[in-house]
Each structure stands twice: as structure tokens, then as C-alpha cells.
């Protein structure tokens, strides 16, 4: 049986999907002015899943090679092509 997904009327399209490899800056909380670290990993969640929570500061959750997860700012992320990935 095919799985159906229905977009919420207020949903915004994002250029990333679960499983994509991305590189980008961590999403810092409001008022935190540190220079964000850059991470690379597999997308495991896009945004919070809650209406309006991440509308102004969209983010991705990525799983790093060490199996920890980081929250990245979506506007600074780029897809990592297979040629750019480190050899395993």
C-alpha cells in the first residue's frame, strides 16, 4: 500500500529530504552570538513538525558520523554530493 502524505495548508517546501547528506552551520538559539560550528550529516528531521514553531528560523536535524545529532540552520545548508563525501 502506498503511503499518502498530505501537506498542511501553511506548509512551506524545503529543498531537503530525509536521508540527504548536508553540510551547514548549527542553529544557535536566539540571542546566542557565537560563531556557529559547521557540521555534515544525514537529514533525520526537517523542522520541528509543529505549526509555526520554526517558521522564522527553519532548521534541520542531522545525524553525524559519530551517531550524535545536531540542529542546523536550513538557510546555510548545502547538499553534499557523493563525490564530496569522505571514503568509508
PDB file of N, CA and C in Angstrom:
ATOM      1  N   UNK A   1       0.837  -1.162   0.000  1.00  0.00           N
ATOM      2  CA  UNK A   1       0.000   0.000   0.000  1.00  0.00           C
ATOM      3  C   UNK A   1       0.894   1.240   0.000  1.00  0.00           C
ATOM      4  N   UNK A   2       0.604   2.158  -0.868  1.00  0.00           N
ATOM      5  CA  UNK A   2       1.392   3.389  -0.953  1.00  0.00           C
ATOM      6  C   UNK A   2       1.048   4.297   0.224  1.00  0.00           C
ATOM      7  N   UNK A   3       2.084   4.910   0.744  1.00  0.00           N
ATOM      8  CA  UNK A   3       1.875   5.828   1.867  1.00  0.00           C
ATOM      9  C   UNK A   3       1.480   7.194   1.324  1.00  0.00           C
ATOM     10  N   UNK A   4       0.437   7.756   1.861  1.00  0.00           N
ATOM     11  CA  UNK A   4      -0.010   9.081   1.444  1.00  0.00           C
ATOM     12  C   UNK A   4       0.487  10.125   2.418  1.00  0.00           C
ATOM     13  N   UNK A   5       0.895  11.224   1.870  1.00  0.00           N
ATOM     14  CA  UNK A   5       1.241  12.353   2.731  1.00  0.00           C
ATOM     15  C   UNK A   5       0.420  13.536   2.273  1.00  0.00           C
ATOM     16  N   UNK A   6      -0.061  14.279   3.202  1.00  0.00           N
ATOM     17  CA  UNK A   6      -0.866  15.437   2.877  1.00  0.00           C
ATOM     18  C   UNK A   6      -0.198  16.663   3.467  1.00  0.00           C
ATOM     19  N   UNK A   7       0.042  17.656   2.622  1.00  0.00           N
ATOM     20  CA  UNK A   7       0.670  18.886   3.095  1.00  0.00           C
ATOM     21  C   UNK A   7      -0.333  19.717   3.868  1.00  0.00           C
ATOM     22  N   UNK A   8       0.152  20.318   4.946  1.00  0.00           N
ATOM     23  CA  UNK A   8      -0.680  21.282   5.662  1.00  0.00           C
ATOM     24  C   UNK A   8      -0.852  22.497   4.766  1.00  0.00           C
ATOM     25  N   UNK A   9      -1.968  23.208   4.879  1.00  0.00           N
ATOM     26  CA  UNK A   9      -2.183  24.385   4.034  1.00  0.00           C
ATOM     27  C   UNK A   9      -1.104  25.456   4.221  1.00  0.00           C
ATOM     28  N   UNK A  10      -0.498  25.547   5.409  1.00  0.00           N
ATOM     29  CA  UNK A  10       0.516  26.566   5.678  1.00  0.00           C
ATOM     30  C   UNK A  10       1.936  26.029   5.509  1.00  0.00           C
ATOM     31  N   UNK A  11       2.096  24.801   4.999  1.00  0.00           N
ATOM     32  CA  UNK A  11       3.410  24.185   4.873  1.00  0.00           C
ATOM     33  C   UNK A  11       4.244  24.881   3.802  1.00  0.00           C
ATOM     34  N   UNK A  12       5.538  24.913   4.046  1.00  0.00           N
ATOM     35  CA  UNK A  12       6.478  25.508   3.110  1.00  0.00           C
ATOM     36  C   UNK A  12       7.388  24.408   2.593  1.00  0.00           C
ATOM     37  N   UNK A  13       7.648  24.408   1.307  1.00  0.00           N
ATOM     38  CA  UNK A  13       8.517  23.406   0.722  1.00  0.00           C
ATOM     39  C   UNK A  13       9.966  23.679   1.114  1.00  0.00           C
ATOM     40  N   UNK A  14      10.712  22.636   1.386  1.00  0.00           N
ATOM     41  CA  UNK A  14      12.139  22.775   1.704  1.00  0.00           C
ATOM     42  C   UNK A  14      12.938  21.967   0.694  1.00  0.00           C
ATOM     43  N   UNK A  15      14.167  22.369   0.437  1.00  0.00           N
ATOM     44  CA  UNK A  15      14.958  21.686  -0.594  1.00  0.00           C
ATOM     45  C   UNK A  15      15.646  20.405  -0.119  1.00  0.00           C
ATOM     46  N   UNK A  16      15.305  19.896   1.060  1.00  0.00           N
ATOM     47  CA  UNK A  16      15.969  18.721   1.600  1.00  0.00           C
ATOM     48  C   UNK A  16      14.942  17.671   1.974  1.00  0.00           C
ATOM     49  N   UNK A  17      15.378  16.422   1.907  1.00  0.00           N
ATOM     50  CA  UNK A  17      14.520  15.300   2.277  1.00  0.00           C
ATOM     51  C   UNK A  17      15.256  14.422   3.274  1.00  0.00           C
ATOM     52  N   UNK A  18      14.509  13.598   3.985  1.00  0.00           N
ATOM     53  CA  UNK A  18      15.134  12.654   4.909  1.00  0.00           C
ATOM     54  C   UNK A  18      16.144  11.801   4.151  1.00  0.00           C
ATOM     55  N   UNK A  19      17.320  11.622   4.737  1.00  0.00           N
ATOM     56  CA  UNK A  19      18.358  10.818   4.114  1.00  0.00           C
ATOM     57  C   UNK A  19      19.363  11.612   3.305  1.00  0.00           C
ATOM     58  N   UNK A  20      19.044  12.865   2.955  1.00  0.00           N
ATOM     59  CA  UNK A  20      20.008  13.698   2.232  1.00  0.00           C
ATOM     60  C   UNK A  20      21.231  13.949   3.097  1.00  0.00           C
ATOM     61  N   UNK A  21      22.391  14.055   2.480  1.00  0.00           N
ATOM     62  CA  UNK A  21      23.616  14.450   3.170  1.00  0.00           C
ATOM     63  C   UNK A  21      23.774  15.953   2.979  1.00  0.00           C
ATOM     64  N   UNK A  22      23.920  16.685   4.082  1.00  0.00           N
ATOM     65  CA  UNK A  22      24.059  18.140   4.010  1.00  0.00           C
ATOM     66  C   UNK A  22      25.217  18.611   4.882  1.00  0.00           C
ATOM     67  N   UNK A  23      25.676  19.816   4.591  1.00  0.00           N
ATOM     68  CA  UNK A  23      26.698  20.485   5.402  1.00  0.00           C
ATOM     69  C   UNK A  23      26.162  21.883   5.684  1.00  0.00           C
ATOM     70  N   UNK A  24      26.321  22.330   6.938  1.00  0.00           N
ATOM     71  CA  UNK A  24      25.850  23.669   7.256  1.00  0.00           C
ATOM     72  C   UNK A  24      26.140  24.057   8.689  1.00  0.00           C
ATOM     73  N   UNK A  25      25.781  25.310   9.029  1.00  0.00           N
ATOM     74  CA  UNK A  25      26.045  25.826  10.371  1.00  0.00           C
ATOM     75  C   UNK A  25      24.995  25.377  11.377  1.00  0.00           C
ATOM     76  N   UNK A  26      25.444  25.184  12.616  1.00  0.00           N
ATOM     77  CA  UNK A  26      24.487  24.833  13.666  1.00  0.00           C
ATOM     78  C   UNK A  26      23.501  25.983  13.856  1.00  0.00           C
ATOM     79  N   UNK A  27      22.294  25.636  14.266  1.00  0.00           N
ATOM     80  CA  UNK A  27      21.259  26.633  14.550  1.00  0.00           C
ATOM     81  C   UNK A  27      21.396  27.035  16.011  1.00  0.00           C
ATOM     82  N   UNK A  28      21.824  28.260  16.236  1.00  0.00           N
ATOM     83  CA  UNK A  28      22.005  28.746  17.605  1.00  0.00           C
ATOM     84  C   UNK A  28      20.695  29.327  18.124  1.00  0.00           C
ATOM     85  N   UNK A  29      20.468  29.272  19.423  1.00  0.00           N
ATOM     86  CA  UNK A  29      19.252  29.863  19.981  1.00  0.00           C
ATOM     87  C   UNK A  29      19.281  31.385  19.843  1.00  0.00           C
ATOM     88  N   UNK A  30      18.108  32.026  19.819  1.00  0.00           N
ATOM     89  CA  UNK A  30      18.064  33.487  19.736  1.00  0.00           C
ATOM     90  C   UNK A  30      18.901  34.122  20.844  1.00  0.00           C
ATOM     91  N   UNK A  31      19.658  35.143  20.490  1.00  0.00           N
ATOM     92  CA  UNK A  31      20.479  35.846  21.472  1.00  0.00           C
ATOM     93  C   UNK A  31      21.859  35.238  21.662  1.00  0.00           C
ATOM     94  N   UNK A  32      22.127  34.107  21.045  1.00  0.00           N
ATOM     95  CA  UNK A  32      23.444  33.479  21.129  1.00  0.00           C
ATOM     96  C   UNK A  32      24.248  33.958  19.926  1.00  0.00           C
ATOM     97  N   UNK A  33      25.290  34.724  20.165  1.00  0.00           N
ATOM     98  CA  UNK A  33      26.034  35.361  19.085  1.00  0.00           C
ATOM     99  C   UNK A  33      27.384  34.706  18.815  1.00  0.00           C
ATOM    100  N   UNK A  34      27.563  33.467  19.304  1.00  0.00           N
ATOM    101  CA  UNK A  34      28.792  32.743  18.984  1.00  0.00           C
ATOM    102  C   UNK A  34      28.846  32.471  17.486  1.00  0.00           C
ATOM    103  N   UNK A  35      30.022  32.210  16.987  1.00  0.00           N
ATOM    104  CA  UNK A  35      30.156  31.776  15.601  1.00  0.00           C
ATOM    105  C   UNK A  35      29.700  30.320  15.544  1.00  0.00           C
ATOM    106  N   UNK A  36      28.690  30.013  14.714  1.00  0.00           N
ATOM    107  CA  UNK A  36      28.187  28.641  14.686  1.00  0.00           C
ATOM    108  C   UNK A  36      29.210  27.677  14.072  1.00  0.00           C
ATOM    109  N   UNK A  37      29.317  26.507  14.652  1.00  0.00           N
ATOM    110  CA  UNK A  37      30.163  25.455  14.101  1.00  0.00           C
ATOM    111  C   UNK A  37      29.488  24.886  12.860  1.00  0.00           C
ATOM    112  N   UNK A  38      30.274  24.336  11.945  1.00  0.00           N
ATOM    113  CA  UNK A  38      29.744  23.712  10.737  1.00  0.00           C
ATOM    114  C   UNK A  38      29.799  22.195  10.907  1.00  0.00           C
ATOM    115  N   UNK A  39      28.703  21.537  10.530  1.00  0.00           N
ATOM    116  CA  UNK A  39      28.600  20.088  10.642  1.00  0.00           C
ATOM    117  C   UNK A  39      28.134  19.501   9.319  1.00  0.00           C
ATOM    118  N   UNK A  40      28.395  18.208   9.153  1.00  0.00           N
ATOM    119  CA  UNK A  40      27.938  17.478   7.972  1.00  0.00           C
ATOM    120  C   UNK A  40      27.315  16.175   8.437  1.00  0.00           C
ATOM    121  N   UNK A  41      26.132  15.873   7.889  1.00  0.00           N
ATOM    122  CA  UNK A  41      25.477  14.636   8.289  1.00  0.00           C
ATOM    123  C   UNK A  41      24.243  14.340   7.456  1.00  0.00           C
ATOM    124  N   UNK A  42      23.530  13.302   7.867  1.00  0.00           N
ATOM    125  CA  UNK A  42      22.331  12.836   7.178  1.00  0.00           C
ATOM    126  C   UNK A  42      21.089  13.471   7.795  1.00  0.00           C
ATOM    127  N   UNK A  43      20.215  14.027   6.968  1.00  0.00           N
ATOM    128  CA  UNK A  43      18.982  14.652   7.453  1.00  0.00           C
ATOM    129  C   UNK A  43      18.084  13.576   8.062  1.00  0.00           C
ATOM    130  N   UNK A  44      17.705  13.779   9.334  1.00  0.00           N
ATOM    131  CA  UNK A  44      16.801  12.849  10.012  1.00  0.00           C
ATOM    132  C   UNK A  44      15.477  13.507  10.389  1.00  0.00           C
ATOM    133  N   UNK A  45      15.425  14.835  10.338  1.00  0.00           N
ATOM    134  CA  UNK A  45      14.175  15.552  10.599  1.00  0.00           C
ATOM    135  C   UNK A  45      14.277  16.943   9.999  1.00  0.00           C
ATOM    136  N   UNK A  46      13.183  17.389   9.389  1.00  0.00           N
ATOM    137  CA  UNK A  46      13.122  18.735   8.832  1.00  0.00           C
ATOM    138  C   UNK A  46      12.210  19.555   9.717  1.00  0.00           C
ATOM    139  N   UNK A  47      12.775  20.550  10.409  1.00  0.00           N
ATOM    140  CA  UNK A  47      11.988  21.401  11.288  1.00  0.00           C
ATOM    141  C   UNK A  47      11.481  20.667  12.513  1.00  0.00           C
ATOM    142  N   UNK A  48      10.558  21.313  13.190  1.00  0.00           N
ATOM    143  CA  UNK A  48      10.051  20.785  14.452  1.00  0.00           C
ATOM    144  C   UNK A  48       8.849  19.880  14.284  1.00  0.00           C
ATOM    145  N   UNK A  49       8.140  20.058  13.173  1.00  0.00           N
ATOM    146  CA  UNK A  49       6.901  19.314  12.994  1.00  0.00           C
ATOM    147  C   UNK A  49       5.702  20.019  13.603  1.00  0.00           C
ATOM    148  N   UNK A  50       5.932  21.129  14.285  1.00  0.00           N
ATOM    149  CA  UNK A  50       4.839  21.871  14.907  1.00  0.00           C
ATOM    150  C   UNK A  50       4.574  23.144  14.126  1.00  0.00           C
ATOM    151  N   UNK A  51       3.317  23.423  13.857  1.00  0.00           N
ATOM    152  CA  UNK A  51       2.903  24.589  13.097  1.00  0.00           C
ATOM    153  C   UNK A  51       3.433  25.877  13.714  1.00  0.00           C
ATOM    154  N   UNK A  52       4.192  26.633  12.922  1.00  0.00           N
ATOM    155  CA  UNK A  52       4.647  27.954  13.351  1.00  0.00           C
ATOM    156  C   UNK A  52       5.897  27.982  14.196  1.00  0.00           C
ATOM    157  N   UNK A  53       6.354  26.847  14.729  1.00  0.00           N
ATOM    158  CA  UNK A  53       7.488  26.850  15.645  1.00  0.00           C
ATOM    159  C   UNK A  53       8.761  27.307  14.967  1.00  0.00           C
ATOM    160  N   UNK A  54       9.011  26.810  13.755  1.00  0.00           N
ATOM    161  CA  UNK A  54      10.266  27.136  13.106  1.00  0.00           C
ATOM    162  C   UNK A  54      10.075  27.986  11.858  1.00  0.00           C
ATOM    163  N   UNK A  55       8.975  28.697  11.766  1.00  0.00           N
ATOM    164  CA  UNK A  55       8.692  29.485  10.574  1.00  0.00           C
ATOM    165  C   UNK A  55       9.756  30.546  10.320  1.00  0.00           C
ATOM    166  N   UNK A  56      10.211  31.244  11.352  1.00  0.00           N
ATOM    167  CA  UNK A  56      11.198  32.313  11.166  1.00  0.00           C
ATOM    168  C   UNK A  56      12.626  31.776  11.131  1.00  0.00           C
ATOM    169  N   UNK A  57      12.878  30.671  11.789  1.00  0.00           N
ATOM    170  CA  UNK A  57      14.231  30.108  11.891  1.00  0.00           C
ATOM    171  C   UNK A  57      14.207  28.627  11.544  1.00  0.00           C
ATOM    172  N   UNK A  58      13.977  28.322  10.271  1.00  0.00           N
ATOM    173  CA  UNK A  58      13.863  26.932   9.849  1.00  0.00           C
ATOM    174  C   UNK A  58      15.163  26.190  10.105  1.00  0.00           C
ATOM    175  N   UNK A  59      15.027  24.910  10.425  1.00  0.00           N
ATOM    176  CA  UNK A  59      16.208  24.115  10.729  1.00  0.00           C
ATOM    177  C   UNK A  59      16.034  22.661  10.310  1.00  0.00           C
ATOM    178  N   UNK A  60      17.156  21.962  10.291  1.00  0.00           N
ATOM    179  CA  UNK A  60      17.210  20.530  10.021  1.00  0.00           C
ATOM    180  C   UNK A  60      17.874  19.847  11.196  1.00  0.00           C
ATOM    181  N   UNK A  61      17.486  18.621  11.493  1.00  0.00           N
ATOM    182  CA  UNK A  61      18.240  17.785  12.423  1.00  0.00           C
ATOM    183  C   UNK A  61      19.034  16.829  11.557  1.00  0.00           C
ATOM    184  N   UNK A  62      20.341  16.743  11.814  1.00  0.00           N
ATOM    185  CA  UNK A  62      21.190  15.822  11.062  1.00  0.00           C
ATOM    186  C   UNK A  62      21.896  14.868  12.013  1.00  0.00           C
ATOM    187  N   UNK A  63      22.101  13.645  11.540  1.00  0.00           N
ATOM    188  CA  UNK A  63      22.853  12.645  12.303  1.00  0.00           C
ATOM    189  C   UNK A  63      24.278  12.657  11.783  1.00  0.00           C
ATOM    190  N   UNK A  64      25.216  12.873  12.697  1.00  0.00           N
ATOM    191  CA  UNK A  64      26.633  12.931  12.360  1.00  0.00           C
ATOM    192  C   UNK A  64      27.219  11.527  12.293  1.00  0.00           C
ATOM    193  N   UNK A  65      28.415  11.382  11.712  1.00  0.00           N
ATOM    194  CA  UNK A  65      29.037  10.049  11.636  1.00  0.00           C
ATOM    195  C   UNK A  65      29.207   9.368  12.997  1.00  0.00           C
ATOM    196  N   UNK A  66      29.359  10.156  14.073  1.00  0.00           N
ATOM    197  CA  UNK A  66      29.510   9.539  15.404  1.00  0.00           C
ATOM    198  C   UNK A  66      28.159   9.179  16.037  1.00  0.00           C
ATOM    199  N   UNK A  67      27.070   9.310  15.254  1.00  0.00           N
ATOM    200  CA  UNK A  67      25.687   8.959  15.628  1.00  0.00           C
ATOM    201  C   UNK A  67      25.012   9.972  16.547  1.00  0.00           C
ATOM    202  N   UNK A  68      25.677  11.093  16.868  1.00  0.00           N
ATOM    203  CA  UNK A  68      25.004  12.167  17.591  1.00  0.00           C
ATOM    204  C   UNK A  68      24.225  12.998  16.576  1.00  0.00           C
ATOM    205  N   UNK A  69      23.351  13.855  17.064  1.00  0.00           N
ATOM    206  CA  UNK A  69      22.558  14.700  16.170  1.00  0.00           C
ATOM    207  C   UNK A  69      22.782  16.163  16.482  1.00  0.00           C
ATOM    208  N   UNK A  70      22.684  16.987  15.445  1.00  0.00           N
ATOM    209  CA  UNK A  70      22.836  18.436  15.581  1.00  0.00           C
ATOM    210  C   UNK A  70      21.718  19.120  14.815  1.00  0.00           C
ATOM    211  N   UNK A  71      21.355  20.281  15.309  1.00  0.00           N
ATOM    212  CA  UNK A  71      20.328  21.107  14.677  1.00  0.00           C
ATOM    213  C   UNK A  71      21.053  22.141  13.818  1.00  0.00           C
ATOM    214  N   UNK A  72      20.792  22.129  12.495  1.00  0.00           N
ATOM    215  CA  UNK A  72      21.452  23.049  11.575  1.00  0.00           C
ATOM    216  C   UNK A  72      20.475  24.082  11.033  1.00  0.00           C
ATOM    217  N   UNK A  73      20.979  25.297  10.812  1.00  0.00           N
ATOM    218  CA  UNK A  73      20.181  26.375  10.216  1.00  0.00           C
ATOM    219  C   UNK A  73      19.999  26.079   8.729  1.00  0.00           C
ATOM    220  N   UNK A  74      18.768  25.926   8.293  1.00  0.00           N
ATOM    221  CA  UNK A  74      18.482  25.493   6.928  1.00  0.00           C
ATOM    222  C   UNK A  74      19.017  26.462   5.880  1.00  0.00           C
ATOM    223  N   UNK A  75      18.989  27.767   6.162  1.00  0.00           N
ATOM    224  CA  UNK A  75      19.400  28.736   5.140  1.00  0.00           C
ATOM    225  C   UNK A  75      20.886  28.664   4.820  1.00  0.00           C
ATOM    226  N   UNK A  76      21.692  28.063   5.678  1.00  0.00           N
ATOM    227  CA  UNK A  76      23.123  27.949   5.417  1.00  0.00           C
ATOM    228  C   UNK A  76      23.549  26.575   4.941  1.00  0.00           C
ATOM    229  N   UNK A  77      22.594  25.649   4.794  1.00  0.00           N
ATOM    230  CA  UNK A  77      22.941  24.266   4.418  1.00  0.00           C
ATOM    231  C   UNK A  77      23.079  24.106   2.910  1.00  0.00           C
ATOM    232  N   UNK A  78      23.928  23.149   2.543  1.00  0.00           N
ATOM    233  CA  UNK A  78      24.088  22.762   1.140  1.00  0.00           C
ATOM    234  C   UNK A  78      24.092  21.243   1.068  1.00  0.00           C
ATOM    235  N   UNK A  79      23.607  20.711  -0.048  1.00  0.00           N
ATOM    236  CA  UNK A  79      23.667  19.270  -0.265  1.00  0.00           C
ATOM    237  C   UNK A  79      25.115  18.857  -0.469  1.00  0.00           C
ATOM    238  N   UNK A  80      25.472  17.689   0.033  1.00  0.00           N
ATOM    239  CA  UNK A  80      26.800  17.139  -0.163  1.00  0.00           C
ATOM    240  C   UNK A  80      26.667  16.036  -1.215  1.00  0.00           C
ATOM    241  N   UNK A  81      27.364  16.174  -2.313  1.00  0.00           N
ATOM    242  CA  UNK A  81      27.296  15.187  -3.378  1.00  0.00           C
ATOM    243  C   UNK A  81      28.092  13.947  -2.991  1.00  0.00           C
ATOM    244  N   UNK A  82      27.792  12.808  -3.603  1.00  0.00           N
ATOM    245  CA  UNK A  82      28.562  11.592  -3.289  1.00  0.00           C
ATOM    246  C   UNK A  82      30.067  11.776  -3.479  1.00  0.00           C
ATOM    247  N   UNK A  83      30.481  12.552  -4.460  1.00  0.00           N
ATOM    248  CA  UNK A  83      31.906  12.777  -4.709  1.00  0.00           C
ATOM    249  C   UNK A  83      32.567  13.551  -3.577  1.00  0.00           C
ATOM    250  N   UNK A  84      31.794  14.354  -2.826  1.00  0.00           N
ATOM    251  CA  UNK A  84      32.343  15.166  -1.735  1.00  0.00           C
ATOM    252  C   UNK A  84      32.389  14.412  -0.402  1.00  0.00           C
ATOM    253  N   UNK A  85      31.753  13.265  -0.335  1.00  0.00           N
ATOM    254  CA  UNK A  85      31.696  12.511   0.922  1.00  0.00           C
ATOM    255  C   UNK A  85      33.014  11.799   1.193  1.00  0.00           C
ATOM    256  N   UNK A  86      33.405  11.722   2.455  1.00  0.00           N
ATOM    257  CA  UNK A  86      34.644  11.008   2.772  1.00  0.00           C
ATOM    258  C   UNK A  86      34.486   9.508   2.513  1.00  0.00           C
ATOM    259  N   UNK A  87      35.582   8.855   2.171  1.00  0.00           N
ATOM    260  CA  UNK A  87      35.562   7.407   1.945  1.00  0.00           C
ATOM    261  C   UNK A  87      35.276   6.698   3.258  1.00  0.00           C
ATOM    262  N   UNK A  88      34.492   5.631   3.202  1.00  0.00           N
ATOM    263  CA  UNK A  88      34.111   4.923   4.428  1.00  0.00           C
ATOM    264  C   UNK A  88      34.903   3.675   4.607  1.00  0.00           C
TER     265      UNK A  88
END
